[in-house]
Amino acid sequence: MDDLLKLTNALAQITRPNPSRDWLIIAALSFLLFVGGAGVGAQLFLSIQTGSLVSGSTNAPKPTIPVTQESIRVVLEAYQGRAAAYVSKSFVVYDLTDPQRRR
């Protein structure tokens, strides 16, 4: 019962200003935040330096892109058609009032 009274008295004292106690609490919380931030910063620094946080696999397989003679021919024909249209300045122009109609 005596411990319960001490606890309730201590909790009741929290609402009363006590500058030394209040500054001690602020200093302790600031120290804990500083230590936590420094720890996280050190962990990130060491992880980046050792490559455990940011690293790529050196033996990652490169995907092969299948290219055939036919696909190269289709691309070249499309490019030559666009190049000819550019040289002759025959661009497809859409009417802004009616996008379905071309000029």
PDB file of N, CA and C in Angstrom:
ATOM      1  N   MET A   1       0.817  -1.186   0.000  1.00  0.00           N
ATOM      2  CA  MET A   1       0.000   0.000   0.000  1.00  0.00           C
ATOM      3  C   MET A   1       0.869   1.261   0.000  1.00  0.00           C
ATOM      4  N   ASP A   2       1.989   1.188   0.682  1.00  0.00           N
ATOM      5  CA  ASP A   2       2.900   2.326   0.761  1.00  0.00           C
ATOM      6  C   ASP A   2       3.495   2.642  -0.620  1.00  0.00           C
ATOM      7  N   ASP A   3       3.787   1.585  -1.407  1.00  0.00           N
ATOM      8  CA  ASP A   3       4.330   1.782  -2.753  1.00  0.00           C
ATOM      9  C   ASP A   3       3.306   2.448  -3.663  1.00  0.00           C
ATOM     10  N   LEU A   4       2.046   2.086  -3.500  1.00  0.00           N
ATOM     11  CA  LEU A   4       0.982   2.678  -4.307  1.00  0.00           C
ATOM     12  C   LEU A   4       0.830   4.162  -3.992  1.00  0.00           C
ATOM     13  N   LEU A   5       0.943   4.530  -2.725  1.00  0.00           N
ATOM     14  CA  LEU A   5       0.868   5.943  -2.354  1.00  0.00           C
ATOM     15  C   LEU A   5       2.051   6.720  -2.919  1.00  0.00           C
ATOM     16  N   LYS A   6       3.253   6.129  -2.875  1.00  0.00           N
ATOM     17  CA  LYS A   6       4.434   6.789  -3.450  1.00  0.00           C
ATOM     18  C   LYS A   6       4.253   7.012  -4.952  1.00  0.00           C
ATOM     19  N   LEU A   7       3.687   5.998  -5.610  1.00  0.00           N
ATOM     20  CA  LEU A   7       3.473   6.111  -7.058  1.00  0.00           C
ATOM     21  C   LEU A   7       2.447   7.179  -7.377  1.00  0.00           C
ATOM     22  N   THR A   8       1.347   7.211  -6.675  1.00  0.00           N
ATOM     23  CA  THR A   8       0.327   8.232  -6.940  1.00  0.00           C
ATOM     24  C   THR A   8       0.842   9.629  -6.602  1.00  0.00           C
ATOM     25  N   ASN A   9       1.627   9.754  -5.566  1.00  0.00           N
ATOM     26  CA  ASN A   9       2.223  11.056  -5.231  1.00  0.00           C
ATOM     27  C   ASN A   9       3.216  11.493  -6.310  1.00  0.00           C
ATOM     28  N   ALA A  10       4.007  10.558  -6.811  1.00  0.00           N
ATOM     29  CA  ALA A  10       4.970  10.893  -7.866  1.00  0.00           C
ATOM     30  C   ALA A  10       4.243  11.306  -9.140  1.00  0.00           C
ATOM     31  N   LEU A  11       3.158  10.621  -9.459  1.00  0.00           N
ATOM     32  CA  LEU A  11       2.394  10.994 -10.651  1.00  0.00           C
ATOM     33  C   LEU A  11       1.688  12.331 -10.461  1.00  0.00           C
ATOM     34  N   ALA A  12       1.254  12.624  -9.260  1.00  0.00           N
ATOM     35  CA  ALA A  12       0.632  13.915  -8.984  1.00  0.00           C
ATOM     36  C   ALA A  12       1.651  15.041  -9.069  1.00  0.00           C
ATOM     37  N   GLN A  13       2.907  14.770  -8.757  1.00  0.00           N
ATOM     38  CA  GLN A  13       3.950  15.786  -8.797  1.00  0.00           C
ATOM     39  C   GLN A  13       4.331  16.167 -10.233  1.00  0.00           C
ATOM     40  N   ILE A  14       3.985  15.334 -11.196  1.00  0.00           N
ATOM     41  CA  ILE A  14       4.364  15.608 -12.594  1.00  0.00           C
ATOM     42  C   ILE A  14       3.694  16.879 -13.090  1.00  0.00           C
ATOM     43  N   THR A  15       2.481  17.146 -12.641  1.00  0.00           N
ATOM     44  CA  THR A  15       1.769  18.335 -13.111  1.00  0.00           C
ATOM     45  C   THR A  15       2.335  19.622 -12.530  1.00  0.00           C
ATOM     46  N   ARG A  16       3.086  19.546 -11.457  1.00  0.00           N
ATOM     47  CA  ARG A  16       3.678  20.741 -10.846  1.00  0.00           C
ATOM     48  C   ARG A  16       5.031  21.022 -11.497  1.00  0.00           C
ATOM     49  N   PRO A  17       5.304  22.289 -11.766  1.00  0.00           N
ATOM     50  CA  PRO A  17       6.592  22.603 -12.410  1.00  0.00           C
ATOM     51  C   PRO A  17       7.775  22.351 -11.487  1.00  0.00           C
ATOM     52  N   ASN A  18       8.783  21.723 -12.054  1.00  0.00           N
ATOM     53  CA  ASN A  18      10.036  21.475 -11.350  1.00  0.00           C
ATOM     54  C   ASN A  18      11.131  21.634 -12.402  1.00  0.00           C
ATOM     55  N   PRO A  19      11.754  22.809 -12.478  1.00  0.00           N
ATOM     56  CA  PRO A  19      12.683  23.080 -13.572  1.00  0.00           C
ATOM     57  C   PRO A  19      13.818  22.083 -13.698  1.00  0.00           C
ATOM     58  N   SER A  20      14.412  21.662 -12.622  1.00  0.00           N
ATOM     59  CA  SER A  20      15.538  20.734 -12.749  1.00  0.00           C
ATOM     60  C   SER A  20      15.077  19.387 -13.300  1.00  0.00           C
ATOM     61  N   ARG A  21      13.938  18.894 -12.837  1.00  0.00           N
ATOM     62  CA  ARG A  21      13.415  17.628 -13.355  1.00  0.00           C
ATOM     63  C   ARG A  21      13.017  17.766 -14.824  1.00  0.00           C
ATOM     64  N   ASP A  22      12.354  18.878 -15.174  1.00  0.00           N
ATOM     65  CA  ASP A  22      11.895  19.072 -16.550  1.00  0.00           C
ATOM     66  C   ASP A  22      13.081  19.169 -17.513  1.00  0.00           C
ATOM     67  N   TRP A  23      14.116  19.911 -17.142  1.00  0.00           N
ATOM     68  CA  TRP A  23      15.289  20.013 -17.999  1.00  0.00           C
ATOM     69  C   TRP A  23      16.032  18.681 -18.087  1.00  0.00           C
ATOM     70  N   LEU A  24      16.026  17.929 -17.016  1.00  0.00           N
ATOM     71  CA  LEU A  24      16.655  16.615 -17.054  1.00  0.00           C
ATOM     72  C   LEU A  24      15.911  15.684 -18.021  1.00  0.00           C
ATOM     73  N   ILE A  25      14.599  15.744 -18.013  1.00  0.00           N
ATOM     74  CA  ILE A  25      13.810  14.931 -18.953  1.00  0.00           C
ATOM     75  C   ILE A  25      14.086  15.364 -20.387  1.00  0.00           C
ATOM     76  N   ILE A  26      14.118  16.677 -20.630  1.00  0.00           N
ATOM     77  CA  ILE A  26      14.401  17.180 -21.985  1.00  0.00           C
ATOM     78  C   ILE A  26      15.795  16.761 -22.430  1.00  0.00           C
ATOM     79  N   ALA A  27      16.773  16.877 -21.536  1.00  0.00           N
ATOM     80  CA  ALA A  27      18.143  16.489 -21.882  1.00  0.00           C
ATOM     81  C   ALA A  27      18.233  14.982 -22.156  1.00  0.00           C
ATOM     82  N   ALA A  28      17.550  14.170 -21.351  1.00  0.00           N
ATOM     83  CA  ALA A  28      17.595  12.716 -21.554  1.00  0.00           C
ATOM     84  C   ALA A  28      16.949  12.334 -22.880  1.00  0.00           C
ATOM     85  N   LEU A  29      15.796  12.936 -23.200  1.00  0.00           N
ATOM     86  CA  LEU A  29      15.148  12.631 -24.486  1.00  0.00           C
ATOM     87  C   LEU A  29      16.001  13.104 -25.665  1.00  0.00           C
ATOM     88  N   SER A  30      16.618  14.288 -25.521  1.00  0.00           N
ATOM     89  CA  SER A  30      17.495  14.775 -26.589  1.00  0.00           C
ATOM     90  C   SER A  30      18.682  13.844 -26.785  1.00  0.00           C
ATOM     91  N   PHE A  31      19.255  13.372 -25.702  1.00  0.00           N
ATOM     92  CA  PHE A  31      20.384  12.449 -25.798  1.00  0.00           C
ATOM     93  C   PHE A  31      19.967  11.141 -26.472  1.00  0.00           C
ATOM     94  N   LEU A  32      18.800  10.626 -26.090  1.00  0.00           N
ATOM     95  CA  LEU A  32      18.326   9.389 -26.715  1.00  0.00           C
ATOM     96  C   LEU A  32      18.079   9.574 -28.214  1.00  0.00           C
ATOM     97  N   LEU A  33      17.500  10.701 -28.592  1.00  0.00           N
ATOM     98  CA  LEU A  33      17.294  10.974 -30.015  1.00  0.00           C
ATOM     99  C   LEU A  33      18.623  11.103 -30.753  1.00  0.00           C
ATOM    100  N   PHE A  34      19.586  11.769 -30.141  1.00  0.00           N
ATOM    101  CA  PHE A  34      20.900  11.916 -30.765  1.00  0.00           C
ATOM    102  C   PHE A  34      21.580  10.565 -30.940  1.00  0.00           C
ATOM    103  N   VAL A  35      21.569   9.750 -29.894  1.00  0.00           N
ATOM    104  CA  VAL A  35      22.205   8.427 -29.965  1.00  0.00           C
ATOM    105  C   VAL A  35      21.502   7.558 -31.004  1.00  0.00           C
ATOM    106  N   GLY A  36      20.167   7.602 -31.041  1.00  0.00           N
ATOM    107  CA  GLY A  36      19.429   6.823 -32.031  1.00  0.00           C
ATOM    108  C   GLY A  36      19.719   7.279 -33.455  1.00  0.00           C
ATOM    109  N   GLY A  37      19.740   8.601 -33.664  1.00  0.00           N
ATOM    110  CA  GLY A  37      20.045   9.127 -35.000  1.00  0.00           C
ATOM    111  C   GLY A  37      21.463   8.806 -35.433  1.00  0.00           C
ATOM    112  N   ALA A  38      22.410   8.927 -34.497  1.00  0.00           N
ATOM    113  CA  ALA A  38      23.797   8.584 -34.825  1.00  0.00           C
ATOM    114  C   ALA A  38      23.926   7.100 -35.132  1.00  0.00           C
ATOM    115  N   GLY A  39      23.195   6.270 -34.410  1.00  0.00           N
ATOM    116  CA  GLY A  39      23.239   4.828 -34.679  1.00  0.00           C
ATOM    117  C   GLY A  39      22.680   4.481 -36.042  1.00  0.00           C
ATOM    118  N   VAL A  40      21.556   5.090 -36.388  1.00  0.00           N
ATOM    119  CA  VAL A  40      20.966   4.837 -37.709  1.00  0.00           C
ATOM    120  C   VAL A  40      21.899   5.355 -38.804  1.00  0.00           C
ATOM    121  N   GLY A  41      22.468   6.534 -38.592  1.00  0.00           N
ATOM    122  CA  GLY A  41      23.404   7.087 -39.579  1.00  0.00           C
ATOM    123  C   GLY A  41      24.631   6.206 -39.750  1.00  0.00           C
ATOM    124  N   ALA A  42      25.162   5.721 -38.645  1.00  0.00           N
ATOM    125  CA  ALA A  42      26.333   4.842 -38.728  1.00  0.00           C
ATOM    126  C   ALA A  42      25.990   3.531 -39.431  1.00  0.00           C
ATOM    127  N   GLN A  43      24.825   2.993 -39.125  1.00  0.00           N
ATOM    128  CA  GLN A  43      24.413   1.733 -39.777  1.00  0.00           C
ATOM    129  C   GLN A  43      24.248   1.938 -41.271  1.00  0.00           C
ATOM    130  N   LEU A  44      23.617   3.046 -41.690  1.00  0.00           N
ATOM    131  CA  LEU A  44      23.463   3.316 -43.123  1.00  0.00           C
ATOM    132  C   LEU A  44      24.817   3.551 -43.785  1.00  0.00           C
ATOM    133  N   PHE A  45      25.703   4.291 -43.123  1.00  0.00           N
ATOM    134  CA  PHE A  45      27.025   4.550 -43.681  1.00  0.00           C
ATOM    135  C   PHE A  45      27.794   3.248 -43.893  1.00  0.00           C
ATOM    136  N   LEU A  46      27.819   2.404 -42.866  1.00  0.00           N
ATOM    137  CA  LEU A  46      28.552   1.142 -42.989  1.00  0.00           C
ATOM    138  C   LEU A  46      27.905   0.212 -44.012  1.00  0.00           C
ATOM    139  N   SER A  47      26.591   0.230 -44.085  1.00  0.00           N
ATOM    140  CA  SER A  47      25.912  -0.625 -45.063  1.00  0.00           C
ATOM    141  C   SER A  47      26.232  -0.200 -46.487  1.00  0.00           C
ATOM    142  N   ILE A  48      26.295   1.109 -46.713  1.00  0.00           N
ATOM    143  CA  ILE A  48      26.619   1.593 -48.062  1.00  0.00           C
ATOM    144  C   ILE A  48      28.085   1.320 -48.373  1.00  0.00           C
ATOM    145  N   GLN A  49      28.969   1.516 -47.392  1.00  0.00           N
ATOM    146  CA  GLN A  49      30.393   1.291 -47.635  1.00  0.00           C
ATOM    147  C   GLN A  49      30.712  -0.173 -47.920  1.00  0.00           C
ATOM    148  N   THR A  50      30.040  -1.075 -47.237  1.00  0.00           N
ATOM    149  CA  THR A  50      30.315  -2.498 -47.452  1.00  0.00           C
ATOM    150  C   THR A  50      29.515  -3.074 -48.608  1.00  0.00           C
ATOM    151  N   GLY A  51      28.516  -2.320 -49.074  1.00  0.00           N
ATOM    152  CA  GLY A  51      27.722  -2.803 -50.195  1.00  0.00           C
ATOM    153  C   GLY A  51      26.599  -3.717 -49.793  1.00  0.00           C
ATOM    154  N   SER A  52      26.315  -3.830 -48.514  1.00  0.00           N
ATOM    155  CA  SER A  52      25.227  -4.712 -48.104  1.00  0.00           C
ATOM    156  C   SER A  52      23.868  -4.065 -48.287  1.00  0.00           C
ATOM    157  N   LEU A  53      23.809  -2.740 -48.320  1.00  0.00           N
ATOM    158  CA  LEU A  53      22.535  -2.048 -48.486  1.00  0.00           C
ATOM    159  C   LEU A  53      22.262  -1.752 -49.953  1.00  0.00           C
ATOM    160  N   VAL A  54      23.247  -1.220 -50.638  1.00  0.00           N
ATOM    161  CA  VAL A  54      23.092  -0.858 -52.040  1.00  0.00           C
ATOM    162  C   VAL A  54      24.145  -1.617 -52.825  1.00  0.00           C
ATOM    163  N   SER A  55      23.731  -2.668 -53.455  1.00  0.00           N
ATOM    164  CA  SER A  55      24.674  -3.413 -54.280  1.00  0.00           C
ATOM    165  C   SER A  55      23.893  -4.145 -55.354  1.00  0.00           C
ATOM    166  N   GLY A  56      24.541  -4.345 -56.451  1.00  0.00           N
ATOM    167  CA  GLY A  56      23.921  -5.070 -57.541  1.00  0.00           C
ATOM    168  C   GLY A  56      24.614  -6.400 -57.740  1.00  0.00           C
ATOM    169  N   SER A  57      23.882  -7.320 -58.256  1.00  0.00           N
ATOM    170  CA  SER A  57      24.458  -8.625 -58.521  1.00  0.00           C
ATOM    171  C   SER A  57      25.326  -8.540 -59.764  1.00  0.00           C
ATOM    172  N   THR A  58      26.533  -9.047 -59.680  1.00  0.00           N
ATOM    173  CA  THR A  58      27.430  -8.969 -60.835  1.00  0.00           C
ATOM    174  C   THR A  58      27.156 -10.065 -61.845  1.00  0.00           C
ATOM    175  N   ASN A  59      26.485 -11.108 -61.439  1.00  0.00           N
ATOM    176  CA  ASN A  59      26.244 -12.204 -62.364  1.00  0.00           C
ATOM    177  C   ASN A  59      24.769 -12.271 -62.784  1.00  0.00           C
ATOM    178  N   ALA A  60      24.115 -11.122 -62.855  1.00  0.00           N
ATOM    179  CA  ALA A  60      22.725 -11.102 -63.295  1.00  0.00           C
ATOM    180  C   ALA A  60      22.681 -11.390 -64.792  1.00  0.00           C
ATOM    181  N   PRO A  61      21.850 -12.313 -65.222  1.00  0.00           N
ATOM    182  CA  PRO A  61      21.796 -12.629 -66.647  1.00  0.00           C
ATOM    183  C   PRO A  61      21.133 -11.502 -67.426  1.00  0.00           C
ATOM    184  N   LYS A  62      21.697 -11.171 -68.554  1.00  0.00           N
ATOM    185  CA  LYS A  62      21.133 -10.146 -69.422  1.00  0.00           C
ATOM    186  C   LYS A  62      20.068 -10.791 -70.303  1.00  0.00           C
ATOM    187  N   PRO A  63      18.901 -10.166 -70.404  1.00  0.00           N
ATOM    188  CA  PRO A  63      17.867 -10.760 -71.247  1.00  0.00           C
ATOM    189  C   PRO A  63      18.231 -10.626 -72.720  1.00  0.00           C
ATOM    190  N   THR A  64      18.008 -11.665 -73.456  1.00  0.00           N
ATOM    191  CA  THR A  64      18.301 -11.631 -74.883  1.00  0.00           C
ATOM    192  C   THR A  64      17.060 -11.139 -75.617  1.00  0.00           C
ATOM    193  N   ILE A  65      17.278 -10.232 -76.544  1.00  0.00           N
ATOM    194  CA  ILE A  65      16.187  -9.692 -77.344  1.00  0.00           C
ATOM    195  C   ILE A  65      16.255 -10.376 -78.712  1.00  0.00           C
ATOM    196  N   PRO A  66      15.236 -11.136 -79.061  1.00  0.00           N
ATOM    197  CA  PRO A  66      15.271 -11.823 -80.352  1.00  0.00           C
ATOM    198  C   PRO A  66      15.090 -10.820 -81.497  1.00  0.00           C
ATOM    199  N   VAL A  67      16.056 -10.798 -82.389  1.00  0.00           N
ATOM    200  CA  VAL A  67      16.007  -9.929 -83.559  1.00  0.00           C
ATOM    201  C   VAL A  67      16.138 -10.816 -84.783  1.00  0.00           C
ATOM    202  N   THR A  68      15.186 -10.640 -85.694  1.00  0.00           N
ATOM    203  CA  THR A  68      15.221 -11.424 -86.927  1.00  0.00           C
ATOM    204  C   THR A  68      15.452 -10.493 -88.100  1.00  0.00           C
ATOM    205  N   GLN A  69      15.787 -11.077 -89.216  1.00  0.00           N
ATOM    206  CA  GLN A  69      15.970 -10.300 -90.450  1.00  0.00           C
ATOM    207  C   GLN A  69      14.672  -9.589 -90.820  1.00  0.00           C
ATOM    208  N   GLU A  70      13.555 -10.265 -90.609  1.00  0.00           N
ATOM    209  CA  GLU A  70      12.256  -9.689 -90.964  1.00  0.00           C
ATOM    210  C   GLU A  70      11.949  -8.459 -90.110  1.00  0.00           C
ATOM    211  N   SER A  71      12.228  -8.525 -88.805  1.00  0.00           N
ATOM    212  CA  SER A  71      11.944  -7.372 -87.950  1.00  0.00           C
ATOM    213  C   SER A  71      12.851  -6.194 -88.290  1.00  0.00           C
ATOM    214  N   ILE A  72      14.092  -6.463 -88.672  1.00  0.00           N
ATOM    215  CA  ILE A  72      14.990  -5.386 -89.101  1.00  0.00           C
ATOM    216  C   ILE A  72      14.498  -4.764 -90.396  1.00  0.00           C
ATOM    217  N   ARG A  73      14.019  -5.597 -91.305  1.00  0.00           N
ATOM    218  CA  ARG A  73      13.514  -5.088 -92.584  1.00  0.00           C
ATOM    219  C   ARG A  73      12.289  -4.203 -92.352  1.00  0.00           C
ATOM    220  N   VAL A  74      11.389  -4.612 -91.467  1.00  0.00           N
ATOM    221  CA  VAL A  74      10.180  -3.823 -91.193  1.00  0.00           C
ATOM    222  C   VAL A  74      10.549  -2.467 -90.586  1.00  0.00           C
ATOM    223  N   VAL A  75      11.508  -2.458 -89.683  1.00  0.00           N
ATOM    224  CA  VAL A  75      11.925  -1.201 -89.062  1.00  0.00           C
ATOM    225  C   VAL A  75      12.579  -0.289 -90.092  1.00  0.00           C
ATOM    226  N   LEU A  76      13.433  -0.842 -90.942  1.00  0.00           N
ATOM    227  CA  LEU A  76      14.085  -0.027 -91.972  1.00  0.00           C
ATOM    228  C   LEU A  76      13.077   0.555 -92.945  1.00  0.00           C
ATOM    229  N   GLU A  77      12.073  -0.226 -93.355  1.00  0.00           N
ATOM    230  CA  GLU A  77      11.050   0.289 -94.262  1.00  0.00           C
ATOM    231  C   GLU A  77      10.247   1.405 -93.604  1.00  0.00           C
ATOM    232  N   ALA A  78       9.914   1.242 -92.336  1.00  0.00           N
ATOM    233  CA  ALA A  78       9.173   2.295 -91.630  1.00  0.00           C
ATOM    234  C   ALA A  78      10.018   3.558 -91.525  1.00  0.00           C
ATOM    235  N   TYR A  79      11.296   3.397 -91.238  1.00  0.00           N
ATOM    236  CA  TYR A  79      12.177   4.548 -91.126  1.00  0.00           C
ATOM    237  C   TYR A  79      12.329   5.240 -92.479  1.00  0.00           C
ATOM    238  N   GLN A  80      12.517   4.480 -93.539  1.00  0.00           N
ATOM    239  CA  GLN A  80      12.664   5.079 -94.865  1.00  0.00           C
ATOM    240  C   GLN A  80      11.384   5.795 -95.281  1.00  0.00           C
ATOM    241  N   GLY A  81      10.226   5.238 -94.936  1.00  0.00           N
ATOM    242  CA  GLY A  81       8.969   5.921 -95.236  1.00  0.00           C
ATOM    243  C   GLY A  81       8.841   7.232 -94.476  1.00  0.00           C
ATOM    244  N   ARG A  82       9.225   7.241 -93.227  1.00  0.00           N
ATOM    245  CA  ARG A  82       9.170   8.476 -92.452  1.00  0.00           C
ATOM    246  C   ARG A  82      10.196   9.488 -92.957  1.00  0.00           C
ATOM    247  N   ALA A  83      11.379   9.007 -93.341  1.00  0.00           N
ATOM    248  CA  ALA A  83      12.402   9.912 -93.865  1.00  0.00           C
ATOM    249  C   ALA A  83      11.938  10.549 -95.161  1.00  0.00           C
ATOM    250  N   ALA A  84      11.304   9.759 -96.034  1.00  0.00           N
ATOM    251  CA  ALA A  84      10.793  10.310 -97.290  1.00  0.00           C
ATOM    252  C   ALA A  84       9.689  11.324 -97.021  1.00  0.00           C
ATOM    253  N   ALA A  85       8.807  11.056 -96.066  1.00  0.00           N
ATOM    254  CA  ALA A  85       7.740  11.998 -95.729  1.00  0.00           C
ATOM    255  C   ALA A  85       8.327  13.278 -95.142  1.00  0.00           C
ATOM    256  N   TYR A  86       9.397  13.162 -94.377  1.00  0.00           N
ATOM    257  CA  TYR A  86      10.033  14.342 -93.802  1.00  0.00           C
ATOM    258  C   TYR A  86      10.678  15.202 -94.884  1.00  0.00           C
ATOM    259  N   VAL A  87      11.356  14.554 -95.810  1.00  0.00           N
ATOM    260  CA  VAL A  87      12.025  15.301 -96.882  1.00  0.00           C
ATOM    261  C   VAL A  87      10.994  15.997 -97.752  1.00  0.00           C
ATOM    262  N   SER A  88       9.891  15.310 -98.056  1.00  0.00           N
ATOM    263  CA  SER A  88       8.868  15.909 -98.927  1.00  0.00           C
ATOM    264  C   SER A  88       7.908  16.805 -98.136  1.00  0.00           C
ATOM    265  N   LYS A  89       8.108  16.887 -96.834  1.00  0.00           N
ATOM    266  CA  LYS A  89       7.300  17.723 -95.937  1.00  0.00           C
ATOM    267  C   LYS A  89       5.812  17.400 -96.046  1.00  0.00           C
ATOM    268  N   SER A  90       5.515  16.136 -96.178  1.00  0.00           N
ATOM    269  CA  SER A  90       4.113  15.712 -96.199  1.00  0.00           C
ATOM    270  C   SER A  90       3.791  15.069 -94.859  1.00  0.00           C
ATOM    271  N   PHE A  91       3.538  15.933 -93.886  1.00  0.00           N
ATOM    272  CA  PHE A  91       3.247  15.465 -92.540  1.00  0.00           C
ATOM    273  C   PHE A  91       1.749  15.241 -92.389  1.00  0.00           C
ATOM    274  N   VAL A  92       1.400  14.328 -91.532  1.00  0.00           N
ATOM    275  CA  VAL A  92       0.003  14.119 -91.197  1.00  0.00           C
ATOM    276  C   VAL A  92      -0.378  15.170 -90.164  1.00  0.00           C
ATOM    277  N   VAL A  93      -1.339  16.007 -90.513  1.00  0.00           N
ATOM    278  CA  VAL A  93      -1.778  17.074 -89.630  1.00  0.00           C
ATOM    279  C   VAL A  93      -3.233  16.812 -89.276  1.00  0.00           C
ATOM    280  N   TYR A  94      -3.521  16.833 -88.000  1.00  0.00           N
ATOM    281  CA  TYR A  94      -4.885  16.609 -87.537  1.00  0.00           C
ATOM    282  C   TYR A  94      -5.567  17.939 -87.314  1.00  0.00           C
ATOM    283  N   ASP A  95      -6.828  18.014 -87.723  1.00  0.00           N
ATOM    284  CA  ASP A  95      -7.616  19.208 -87.482  1.00  0.00           C
ATOM    285  C   ASP A  95      -8.020  19.224 -86.011  1.00  0.00           C
ATOM    286  N   LEU A  96      -7.746  20.323 -85.318  1.00  0.00           N
ATOM    287  CA  LEU A  96      -8.026  20.371 -83.888  1.00  0.00           C
ATOM    288  C   LEU A  96      -9.516  20.439 -83.585  1.00  0.00           C
ATOM    289  N   THR A  97     -10.319  20.952 -84.536  1.00  0.00           N
ATOM    290  CA  THR A  97     -11.760  20.996 -84.288  1.00  0.00           C
ATOM    291  C   THR A  97     -12.397  19.635 -84.516  1.00  0.00           C
ATOM    292  N   ASP A  98     -11.829  18.837 -85.434  1.00  0.00           N
ATOM    293  CA  ASP A  98     -12.348  17.497 -85.703  1.00  0.00           C
ATOM    294  C   ASP A  98     -11.156  16.545 -85.834  1.00  0.00           C
ATOM    295  N   PRO A  99     -10.757  15.875 -84.758  1.00  0.00           N
ATOM    296  CA  PRO A  99      -9.572  15.023 -84.792  1.00  0.00           C
ATOM    297  C   PRO A  99      -9.690  13.836 -85.749  1.00  0.00           C
ATOM    298  N   GLN A 100     -10.894  13.472 -86.151  1.00  0.00           N
ATOM    299  CA  GLN A 100     -11.060  12.357 -87.089  1.00  0.00           C
ATOM    300  C   GLN A 100     -10.665  12.735 -88.505  1.00  0.00           C
ATOM    301  N   ARG A 101     -10.662  14.015 -88.805  1.00  0.00           N
ATOM    302  CA  ARG A 101     -10.357  14.483 -90.160  1.00  0.00           C
ATOM    303  C   ARG A 101      -8.880  14.857 -90.259  1.00  0.00           C
ATOM    304  N   ARG A 102      -8.225  14.360 -91.283  1.00  0.00           N
ATOM    305  CA  ARG A 102      -6.810  14.698 -91.519  1.00  0.00           C
ATOM    306  C   ARG A 102      -6.701  15.669 -92.667  1.00  0.00           C
ATOM    307  N   ARG A 103      -5.677  16.489 -92.631  1.00  0.00           N
ATOM    308  CA  ARG A 103      -5.409  17.396 -93.752  1.00  0.00           C
ATOM    309  C   ARG A 103      -4.231  16.887 -94.516  1.00  0.00           C
TER     310      ARG A 103
END
